[in-house]
C-alpha cells in the first residue's frame, strides 16, 4: 500500500502530536517537513494553492498543517481522523 503523505513542521504542536498517533495505529507515512527545504515548502504550497480542502484555513490566515494526502488523492487537515476508533478512514 502506498504511504500517506504527511505535510507538517516540527515547530507545529499538532504535527508533533500526530507522529505518535500514526505509530500507535500502524499507519505508514511519508513525512514532509515543510520547513526542511525550499523544495518541500514549494511542494506543500502547490498542493495548498490547488486543493479546496485548504480554502477555509487560508481564509482564516492559517497555514494548513498537519495535512495528510491519502493514496486516493483526498486531503485531510488536522489530526481528528486519527483520534477516532477506526483509525485511517481512507487507507
Protein backbone atom coordinates (compact mmCIF):
# COMPACT_ATOMS: atom_id res chain seq x y z
CA UNK A 1 0.00 0.00 0.00
CA UNK A 2 1.19 3.47 -0.86
CA UNK A 3 2.08 5.62 2.15
CA UNK A 4 0.10 8.65 3.22
CA UNK A 5 1.93 11.94 2.64
CA UNK A 6 2.09 13.95 5.84
CA UNK A 7 2.97 17.62 5.39
CA UNK A 8 3.98 19.26 8.63
CA UNK A 9 6.68 21.04 10.61
CA UNK A 10 8.42 20.20 13.84
CA UNK A 11 7.52 23.66 15.20
CA UNK A 12 3.81 22.75 14.94
CA UNK A 13 2.38 21.15 18.11
CA UNK A 14 -0.39 19.38 16.18
CA UNK A 15 2.17 17.91 13.78
CA UNK A 16 4.29 16.67 16.68
CA UNK A 17 1.18 15.13 18.27
CA UNK A 18 0.34 13.31 15.03
CA UNK A 19 3.54 11.24 14.97
CA UNK A 20 2.73 9.01 18.00
CA UNK A 21 -0.90 8.65 16.90
CA UNK A 22 0.23 7.40 13.49
CA UNK A 23 2.68 4.98 15.10
CA UNK A 24 0.04 3.66 17.54
CA UNK A 25 -2.28 2.87 14.64
CA UNK A 26 0.49 1.41 12.48
CA UNK A 27 -0.11 3.90 9.68
CA UNK A 28 2.85 4.38 7.35
CA UNK A 29 3.55 7.91 6.20
CA UNK A 30 5.97 9.83 4.07
CA UNK A 31 6.69 12.78 6.37
CA UNK A 32 7.45 16.02 4.54
CA UNK A 33 8.72 18.77 6.83
CA UNK A 34 7.79 21.96 5.00
CA UNK A 35 10.50 23.90 6.87
CA UNK A 36 13.32 21.49 5.98
CA UNK A 37 13.87 22.70 2.42
CA UNK A 38 12.62 25.07 -0.20
CA UNK A 39 11.58 22.09 -2.34
CA UNK A 40 9.37 20.75 0.47
CA UNK A 41 7.80 24.16 1.02
CA UNK A 42 7.16 24.56 -2.72
CA UNK A 43 5.50 21.12 -2.91
CA UNK A 44 3.25 21.99 0.02
CA UNK A 45 2.33 25.41 -1.39
CA UNK A 46 1.50 23.88 -4.78
CA UNK A 47 -0.87 21.46 -3.03
CA UNK A 48 -2.32 24.21 -0.84
CA UNK A 49 -2.91 26.51 -3.79
CA UNK A 50 -4.87 23.94 -5.79
CA UNK A 51 -6.69 21.88 -3.13
CA UNK A 52 -10.12 23.13 -1.94
CA UNK A 53 -9.58 21.48 1.48
CA UNK A 54 -7.32 24.44 2.31
CA UNK A 55 -9.81 27.19 1.40
CA UNK A 56 -11.10 27.70 4.94
CA UNK A 57 -7.69 27.72 6.63
CA UNK A 58 -6.31 30.14 4.01
CA UNK A 59 -9.31 32.46 4.58
CA UNK A 60 -8.52 32.40 8.31
CA UNK A 61 -4.85 33.19 7.67
CA UNK A 62 -3.64 29.79 8.88
CA UNK A 63 -1.07 27.53 7.22
CA UNK A 64 -2.99 24.26 6.99
CA UNK A 65 -0.74 21.75 8.71
CA UNK A 66 -0.81 18.98 9.58
CA UNK A 67 -2.08 17.99 6.16
CA UNK A 68 -2.48 14.41 5.02
CA UNK A 69 -2.73 13.28 1.38
CA UNK A 70 -4.14 9.77 1.04
CA UNK A 71 -3.26 7.36 -1.78
CA UNK A 72 -6.60 8.14 -3.47
CA UNK A 73 -5.62 11.84 -3.62
CA UNK A 74 -8.02 13.03 -0.92
CA UNK A 75 -6.72 15.57 1.59
CA UNK A 76 -7.49 15.91 5.30
CA UNK A 77 -6.26 18.64 7.61
CA UNK A 78 -5.71 18.18 11.32
CA UNK A 79 -5.46 15.07 13.46
CA UNK A 80 -9.12 14.45 14.27
CA UNK A 81 -9.33 11.50 11.85
CA UNK A 82 -6.52 9.82 13.81
CA UNK A 83 -8.33 10.10 17.11
CA UNK A 84 -11.34 8.06 16.00
CA UNK A 85 -11.62 4.39 16.83
CA UNK A 86 -11.34 3.24 13.22
CA UNK A 87 -8.01 4.96 12.56
CA UNK A 88 -7.28 5.76 8.93
CA UNK A 89 -10.55 6.32 7.10
CA UNK A 90 -9.13 6.39 3.59
CA UNK A 91 -6.37 3.78 3.71
